[in-house]
N, C-alpha and C. Protein backbone atom coordinates (compact mmCIF):
# COMPACT_ATOMS: atom_id res chain seq x y z
N MET A 1 126.37 76.47 71.24
CA MET A 1 127.51 77.26 70.82
C MET A 1 127.12 78.20 69.66
N ARG A 2 126.33 77.70 68.73
CA ARG A 2 125.90 78.53 67.61
C ARG A 2 125.03 79.69 68.08
N MET A 3 124.24 79.43 69.09
CA MET A 3 123.36 80.48 69.62
C MET A 3 124.18 81.61 70.22
N ILE A 4 125.22 81.26 70.94
CA ILE A 4 126.09 82.27 71.55
C ILE A 4 126.79 83.09 70.46
N LEU A 5 127.28 82.42 69.44
CA LEU A 5 127.94 83.13 68.33
C LEU A 5 126.95 84.04 67.60
N ALA A 6 125.73 83.59 67.44
CA ALA A 6 124.71 84.41 66.79
C ALA A 6 124.40 85.65 67.62
N LEU A 7 124.29 85.50 68.93
CA LEU A 7 124.03 86.65 69.80
C LEU A 7 125.19 87.64 69.80
N ILE A 8 126.41 87.12 69.80
CA ILE A 8 127.58 88.00 69.73
C ILE A 8 127.60 88.75 68.40
N GLY A 9 127.24 88.06 67.32
CA GLY A 9 127.18 88.69 66.01
C GLY A 9 126.13 89.79 65.95
N LEU A 10 124.96 89.53 66.51
CA LEU A 10 123.90 90.55 66.54
C LEU A 10 124.31 91.76 67.37
N LEU A 11 124.94 91.51 68.49
CA LEU A 11 125.42 92.62 69.33
C LEU A 11 126.46 93.43 68.56
N GLY A 12 127.33 92.75 67.85
CA GLY A 12 128.35 93.44 67.05
C GLY A 12 127.73 94.31 65.98
N ILE A 13 126.72 93.80 65.30
CA ILE A 13 126.02 94.59 64.27
C ILE A 13 125.33 95.78 64.91
N PHE A 14 124.71 95.58 66.05
CA PHE A 14 124.01 96.65 66.77
C PHE A 14 124.99 97.77 67.13
N VAL A 15 126.16 97.41 67.62
CA VAL A 15 127.18 98.40 67.99
C VAL A 15 127.75 99.07 66.75
N LEU A 16 127.98 98.30 65.70
CA LEU A 16 128.51 98.86 64.46
C LEU A 16 127.56 99.89 63.87
N VAL A 17 126.27 99.60 63.86
CA VAL A 17 125.29 100.57 63.38
C VAL A 17 125.32 101.81 64.26
N ALA A 18 125.45 101.64 65.55
CA ALA A 18 125.50 102.78 66.47
C ALA A 18 126.69 103.67 66.18
N MET A 19 127.82 103.09 65.82
CA MET A 19 129.03 103.87 65.64
C MET A 19 129.18 104.44 64.24
N VAL A 20 128.65 103.76 63.22
CA VAL A 20 128.90 104.17 61.84
C VAL A 20 127.69 104.82 61.19
N VAL A 21 126.53 104.21 61.31
CA VAL A 21 125.35 104.66 60.58
C VAL A 21 124.56 105.72 61.34
N ALA A 22 124.31 105.47 62.60
CA ALA A 22 123.42 106.32 63.39
C ALA A 22 123.82 107.79 63.47
N PRO A 23 125.11 108.14 63.59
CA PRO A 23 125.42 109.57 63.69
C PRO A 23 124.95 110.41 62.50
N SER A 24 124.84 109.81 61.33
CA SER A 24 124.44 110.57 60.15
C SER A 24 122.97 110.44 59.79
N GLN A 25 122.22 109.63 60.51
CA GLN A 25 120.80 109.42 60.25
C GLN A 25 120.00 109.89 61.46
N PRO A 26 119.35 111.06 61.36
CA PRO A 26 118.68 111.64 62.54
C PRO A 26 117.67 110.74 63.22
N VAL A 27 116.87 110.02 62.47
CA VAL A 27 115.85 109.17 63.09
C VAL A 27 116.50 108.02 63.86
N VAL A 28 117.48 107.38 63.24
CA VAL A 28 118.19 106.27 63.89
C VAL A 28 118.97 106.80 65.09
N ARG A 29 119.63 107.94 64.92
CA ARG A 29 120.41 108.55 66.00
C ARG A 29 119.52 108.84 67.21
N ASP A 30 118.36 109.43 66.97
CA ASP A 30 117.45 109.74 68.07
C ASP A 30 116.99 108.49 68.79
N TRP A 31 116.74 107.41 68.03
CA TRP A 31 116.31 106.16 68.67
C TRP A 31 117.42 105.61 69.55
N TYR A 32 118.64 105.58 69.01
CA TYR A 32 119.77 105.08 69.81
C TYR A 32 119.98 105.93 71.06
N LEU A 33 119.95 107.25 70.90
CA LEU A 33 120.16 108.13 72.06
C LEU A 33 119.09 107.93 73.12
N THR A 34 117.86 107.72 72.69
CA THR A 34 116.75 107.57 73.64
C THR A 34 116.72 106.19 74.28
N HIS A 35 116.95 105.15 73.49
CA HIS A 35 116.73 103.79 73.97
C HIS A 35 117.98 102.95 74.24
N ALA A 36 119.04 103.18 73.49
CA ALA A 36 120.15 102.23 73.55
C ALA A 36 121.40 102.76 74.25
N CYS A 37 121.65 104.05 74.19
CA CYS A 37 122.92 104.57 74.71
C CYS A 37 123.07 104.36 76.22
N GLY A 38 122.00 104.36 76.93
CA GLY A 38 122.10 104.08 78.36
C GLY A 38 122.69 102.72 78.64
N HIS A 39 122.36 101.76 77.80
CA HIS A 39 122.89 100.40 77.95
C HIS A 39 124.28 100.29 77.34
N LEU A 40 124.48 100.91 76.17
CA LEU A 40 125.77 100.84 75.50
C LEU A 40 126.86 101.56 76.27
N ASP A 41 126.50 102.59 77.04
CA ASP A 41 127.49 103.30 77.85
C ASP A 41 128.08 102.41 78.92
N ARG A 42 127.39 101.38 79.31
CA ARG A 42 127.94 100.43 80.29
C ARG A 42 129.11 99.65 79.70
N ILE A 43 129.09 99.48 78.38
CA ILE A 43 130.18 98.79 77.70
C ILE A 43 131.32 99.77 77.44
N SER A 44 130.99 100.89 76.81
CA SER A 44 131.98 101.93 76.51
C SER A 44 131.25 103.22 76.14
N THR A 45 131.70 104.33 76.70
CA THR A 45 131.07 105.60 76.37
C THR A 45 131.45 106.07 74.97
N ASP A 46 132.46 105.46 74.38
CA ASP A 46 132.88 105.82 73.03
C ASP A 46 131.87 105.40 71.97
N ILE A 47 131.05 104.42 72.25
CA ILE A 47 130.08 103.92 71.26
C ILE A 47 129.10 105.01 70.88
N CYS A 48 128.59 105.74 71.82
CA CYS A 48 127.59 106.77 71.55
C CYS A 48 128.17 108.17 71.43
N ALA A 49 129.48 108.31 71.55
CA ALA A 49 130.11 109.63 71.52
C ALA A 49 129.86 110.36 70.20
N ALA A 50 129.98 109.68 69.08
CA ALA A 50 129.77 110.33 67.78
C ALA A 50 128.32 110.77 67.62
N MET A 51 127.38 109.99 68.13
CA MET A 51 125.98 110.38 68.05
C MET A 51 125.71 111.62 68.89
N ARG A 52 126.31 111.66 70.05
CA ARG A 52 126.11 112.83 70.92
C ARG A 52 126.72 114.08 70.28
N ARG A 53 127.88 113.93 69.65
CA ARG A 53 128.48 115.08 68.96
C ARG A 53 127.59 115.53 67.80
N ALA A 54 127.05 114.58 67.03
CA ALA A 54 126.19 114.91 65.90
C ALA A 54 124.89 115.55 66.36
N ALA A 55 124.43 115.19 67.55
CA ALA A 55 123.19 115.75 68.08
C ALA A 55 123.44 117.07 68.80
N GLY A 56 124.65 117.53 68.80
CA GLY A 56 124.96 118.79 69.47
C GLY A 56 125.15 118.66 70.95
N GLY A 57 125.40 117.44 71.43
CA GLY A 57 125.63 117.22 72.85
C GLY A 57 124.41 117.35 73.71
N ARG A 58 123.22 117.32 73.09
CA ARG A 58 122.01 117.45 73.89
C ARG A 58 121.85 116.25 74.82
N PRO A 59 121.33 116.44 76.00
CA PRO A 59 121.15 115.32 76.93
C PRO A 59 120.10 114.34 76.43
N ILE A 60 120.21 113.14 76.91
CA ILE A 60 119.26 112.08 76.51
C ILE A 60 117.92 112.34 77.16
C-alpha cells in the first residue's frame, strides 16, 4: 500500500512540475515537450498546454 501511495505521489509531483515550473524554465520545458508530453497527453492535454503556449506552439 505504501508503494502505491509513493508512486501516486511521485506522479503528482511530476505533473505539478510540468504544469507550474516547466513553462517558465526553457531547459525543463524542452525536456518535458520532448520526452514526457506524449505520455502526459494520454491523461490530459491540459497538462502540457502551458508549455506549448510558452514554446510558441512549436510541434514536439
